């Protein structure tokens, strides 16, 4: 996904670090996650990393990710609300 949206390598590293921190948090380990929840977390981490590290013309938005996932034909497409709630 990083290549598709022309994100820097550093942005992808930040996204992976955010995912690592999330999954190491005891609250995230309280109960098993579904594949949908994992997909939402991955996409949210990618979006947060993009906001944090990229310049304005390289920012990725929720609807961009949703369109990309839909084009790829993936069965799990996170909703806007799910991503916003996960960001909190």
Protein backbone atom coordinates (compact mmCIF):
# COMPACT_ATOMS: atom_id res chain seq x y z
CA UNK A 1 0.00 0.00 0.00
CA UNK A 2 2.92 2.32 0.69
CA UNK A 3 4.15 2.03 -2.89
CA UNK A 4 0.67 2.66 -4.29
CA UNK A 5 0.42 5.95 -2.39
CA UNK A 6 4.08 6.94 -2.91
CA UNK A 7 4.86 6.95 0.79
CA UNK A 8 8.41 7.23 2.07
CA UNK A 9 10.09 4.22 3.64
CA UNK A 10 10.18 6.07 6.96
CA UNK A 11 6.38 6.38 6.87
CA UNK A 12 6.03 2.63 6.49
CA UNK A 13 8.44 2.05 9.37
CA UNK A 14 6.36 4.36 11.55
CA UNK A 15 3.19 2.45 10.61
CA UNK A 16 4.79 -0.87 11.59
CA UNK A 17 6.04 0.61 14.85
CA UNK A 18 2.53 1.84 15.66
CA UNK A 19 1.14 -1.63 14.96
CA UNK A 20 3.80 -3.20 17.19
CA UNK A 21 2.93 -0.83 20.02
CA UNK A 22 -0.77 -1.52 19.59
CA UNK A 23 -0.36 -5.29 19.67
CA UNK A 24 2.00 -5.13 22.67
CA UNK A 25 -0.55 -3.13 24.66
CA UNK A 26 -2.21 -5.34 27.27
CA UNK A 27 -5.66 -3.95 26.42
CA UNK A 28 -5.31 -5.13 22.80
CA UNK A 29 -4.49 -8.62 24.02
CA UNK A 30 -7.53 -8.87 26.30
CA UNK A 31 -9.55 -10.82 23.73
CA UNK A 32 -8.79 -12.33 20.31
CA UNK A 33 -9.18 -10.02 17.33
CA UNK A 34 -11.03 -10.88 14.15
CA UNK A 35 -9.35 -10.47 10.77
CA UNK A 36 -11.56 -7.42 10.20
CA UNK A 37 -10.29 -5.77 13.39
CA UNK A 38 -6.68 -6.49 12.43
CA UNK A 39 -7.28 -4.98 8.97
CA UNK A 40 -8.80 -1.85 10.54
CA UNK A 41 -5.79 -1.50 12.88
CA UNK A 42 -3.33 -1.92 10.00
CA UNK A 43 -5.06 0.68 7.85
CA UNK A 44 -5.39 3.09 10.75
CA UNK A 45 -1.68 2.79 11.59
CA UNK A 46 -0.84 3.47 7.96
CA UNK A 47 -3.07 6.57 7.92
CA UNK A 48 -1.65 7.91 11.20
CA UNK A 49 1.92 7.39 9.96
CA UNK A 50 1.06 9.22 6.75
CA UNK A 51 -0.36 12.17 8.70
CA UNK A 52 2.69 12.24 10.94
CA UNK A 53 5.48 11.90 8.39
CA UNK A 54 4.35 12.97 4.94
CA UNK A 55 4.06 16.40 3.42
CA UNK A 56 0.62 17.74 2.55
CA UNK A 57 0.54 16.65 -1.09
CA UNK A 58 1.44 13.05 -0.12
CA UNK A 59 -1.19 12.58 2.61
CA UNK A 60 -3.42 9.54 2.36
CA UNK A 61 -7.07 9.82 3.36
CA UNK A 62 -9.55 7.21 4.54
CA UNK A 63 -11.52 7.27 1.29
CA UNK A 64 -8.28 6.71 -0.69
CA UNK A 65 -7.55 3.56 1.30
CA UNK A 66 -11.15 2.36 0.94
CA UNK A 67 -11.02 2.79 -2.84
CA UNK A 68 -7.67 0.96 -3.01
CA UNK A 69 -9.01 -1.96 -0.97
CA UNK A 70 -12.15 -2.12 -3.11
CA UNK A 71 -10.10 -2.17 -6.35
CA UNK A 72 -8.00 -5.03 -5.01
CA UNK A 73 -11.18 -6.98 -4.34
CA UNK A 74 -10.42 -7.60 -0.68
CA UNK A 75 -13.36 -8.78 1.37
CA UNK A 76 -12.58 -6.63 4.41
CA UNK A 77 -13.06 -2.93 3.78
CA UNK A 78 -12.92 -0.81 6.95
CA UNK A 79 -15.59 1.84 7.29
CA UNK A 80 -14.87 5.49 7.96
CA UNK A 81 -16.32 5.16 11.46
CA UNK A 82 -14.18 2.12 12.31
CA UNK A 83 -10.99 3.93 11.30
CA UNK A 84 -11.88 7.11 13.22
CA UNK A 85 -12.77 5.11 16.33
CA UNK A 86 -9.51 3.15 16.09
CA UNK A 87 -7.52 6.39 15.80
CA UNK A 88 -8.83 7.45 19.19
